[in-house]
Amino acid sequence: MLDETLKTRLCRPTSMEPAAIASRMMTATKNTLKQPGGLTIILIVLLLVFALCLSGANGYIFRTDELFSVSNMGGFDPPYSPAEIIHSISQFSPDHAPLFFLLGAGWASVAGWTQFALRMFAVLTSILMIACLYRYATDAFDYRTGLLSSFLMGASAYLVLHFHDFRMYPLLLLLAIVHSWLYWRLESGRASNRRNWILFVFSAISLVYTHTFSVILFAGLAAFHLILARKSKYFIKTWAGWAIAAMAYLPYFSTTLTALEQAAQIETVTTAAASIGELIGTFAHLLTNGVDWLLIPFGAPVLYALLRLRDRATARLMFLAIAMLLVPLALNELVGLIPLSRMRYFLILWFPFLLLFARGITLAPRWTLLAPILVIAWSIAGYQYYHSEDALLYIGGMSKTRNYPALDDYVRQLRDKVRSEDFLLGFARNFYLNHDHKHGKSVSDYYTQLQLGIDGAFVRGRAVGPWLVEEMKELIDGHPYLLFAYEPEAPPDGLEGAKHVMHSTYKACGVLVDSSNLYVQRFVDPALNCDQDYLRIEYENGIAIADRYVEFQPDAALLTILIGWDVPNQRLLNDFSFSLQVHSPQGEKVEQGHSDFYLHQFSRKWNRLNLPIAGIVPGEYRLVLILYNTESGKKVGGVDVNTGETGAILPILSFTVE
């Protein structure tokens, strides 16, 4: 509790005129830039964080939450319009707000959908966030606090793990710091003008549309504003700005409310919710880079500034930090939504607490000696914790990526060597890699479909014997073009058994990749040739036949057809069907050879079709394929890429009945 004297000091208004305040602010800013080495140090900090994030951007493959980001942005079916992105989020991720997804989709349209390109969005946002923190802390306190707080943020292991994660948390932190900075400028009278107030409102709206847990910052600032803020002309205008942001969020509020109600009814979520003690202990553990006792040397200067120096700015910052901390604790007690694996909801608390640590250190006696010692201890702890398994336990899904193959290496080594009809079959220690999630996509699909343009799946690395055979046949069923891949340095338990299945089922072709960390060999259906050209047909609506193979068996009066479809837009699946018909040389349909199929059964899926032709009289015939609209029956025109023939009825085989 704050005593009455300290509370009076905290709430004491300034008597300075606005012109004097502006003059003082300009002088302080100029002095900041003139501080010896200050600008150089912050640039070094930004470069170090940038280098660390670059190394982490390809340090692990996409986790499931990052897959959700890509799916909701339309990565598998680009481009999504803003309306389609918002609809996707409301359907598949209603607990999230749309701003990050809209910005991320815009970034991807320019930079591309690769793992590195997407994560660079998070990296650059994080660098900008640290730069804004430096400016905020320097303006609000001094350049020493700005430098130290920026370094603590940049060397916070749990935070850095999110810096190169393609999720909304770097953007949330950036906007939280910018909004807090603008609030401080208005509340302190440093920049009380219309432009800053408009930016204040705009940043508030951006925050609420970035993440639901921005309520942590708003609740903390609201408590601060109600109890400690100066009663200036911007006292009411600040409330008005937050009210405008709240009204701006009303169109999306029902979606968020529905998501929270649904989550509260999921037993696995509520039972996994941590207690207050667990949340506070884990927060302190993560905040101090996994070294709990660091809370003592970093917290002691804060207490010194509060109790001995009675520093008004430190007390106000302490009030804000504690007020913000109480919000998620209270929400968890009421609803029960925060298990320890979702400590990311506390990330918005990092900047007030680390700013508080930095402020305390700069006010401590002999701080020039104390600061380097604490910085070194913080850096060592951060480096060790960043590379530990413990930190990953508190980031949902990231620990699973340790059991995935290095699929980014697969993409780099196979990008120019695959054909669109190929199917990649690999091995993974965790079968979760294949699990379909939102939009019916898996992490495996992101690397095979989106990056390589092919399909693929991964067998359990520990599968052996009949279990291995059954799992392989289930995954490769109906795929005539196989890329068999494994990592020589970490071969799966059932490698020899898998090779036996491949050689007994398919025809072995050439080796595409033979490196120390990846081996890939091509296999094809025994009926096909290794070097044959694909027989592709492209239709006017964008649908295509990826390849086809037809075998006429005269003795059985049977046509065996191997066919695969390439459908770029999944929404076309229910709109079209196709018919296989046997025509005479005059173009007359032989009814006994007629068969219709729904297209949604064949998208990117290879199947063998048996078409009986018993009763057909001897003569010359053609097997033709007709693509048509399921509802109207209207045929779709196409072109045979190999022969150049065009039309709505295209032959795929000519044969003779003796």
Foldseek 3Di string as FASTA:
>chain_A
DDDPVLLCVLQPADPDDLVVLQVVLVVQVVVQVVPPCLVVLLVVLLVVLLVVLLVVLLVFFAFPVLVLLCVLCCLLFDHDDLVSSQVLCLVAPLQFFRPLSVVLSVQCVPQNDDSNSLLVVLQVLLSLQLVLQLVLLCSLPRNQLSSQLSNLQSLQQLNSNRSRHNALLSVLLSLLSVLVSLVCCCQNSNDPDDVSLVVNLVSLLSNVRRHVLCVLQVQLVVVLLVRRTHPDPCSVVNVVSNVVSVVSCVVSVVSNVVVLVVQLPDPVQQVQFDAPVVLVVLVCCSLQLNDNVLCVLLVVLLVCCCPPVVDSSLVSLVSSLVSSVVVVNVVCVVRNGDHQLANSSCVSSNSSVSSSSSVSLVPDVPSVVVSVVSSVVSNVSSVVSNPDLVSNSNHPRPNCSVQAASLVVVLVLCQPPDDLLEEEEEATQDQQQQDQGRVGDGSQCCSCCSRRNYHYGYHNLADADPRRLVVVCVGCPQRFKYKYKYFQVDHRPHVVVVVVSQVVAWAWDAWRDDDNGMTITITGGPVDDPPDDFWKKAWPVGKIWRHKDWDQDQVQQKIKIKTAIEDSDLVCQQFKKKWKFKAAPVGHTDVQQIDIGRRNVHHSGIDIDITHDPPDDWDKIFIKMAMATPPPRHTIKIAGPVPRDIDRIGTDDIDTRD
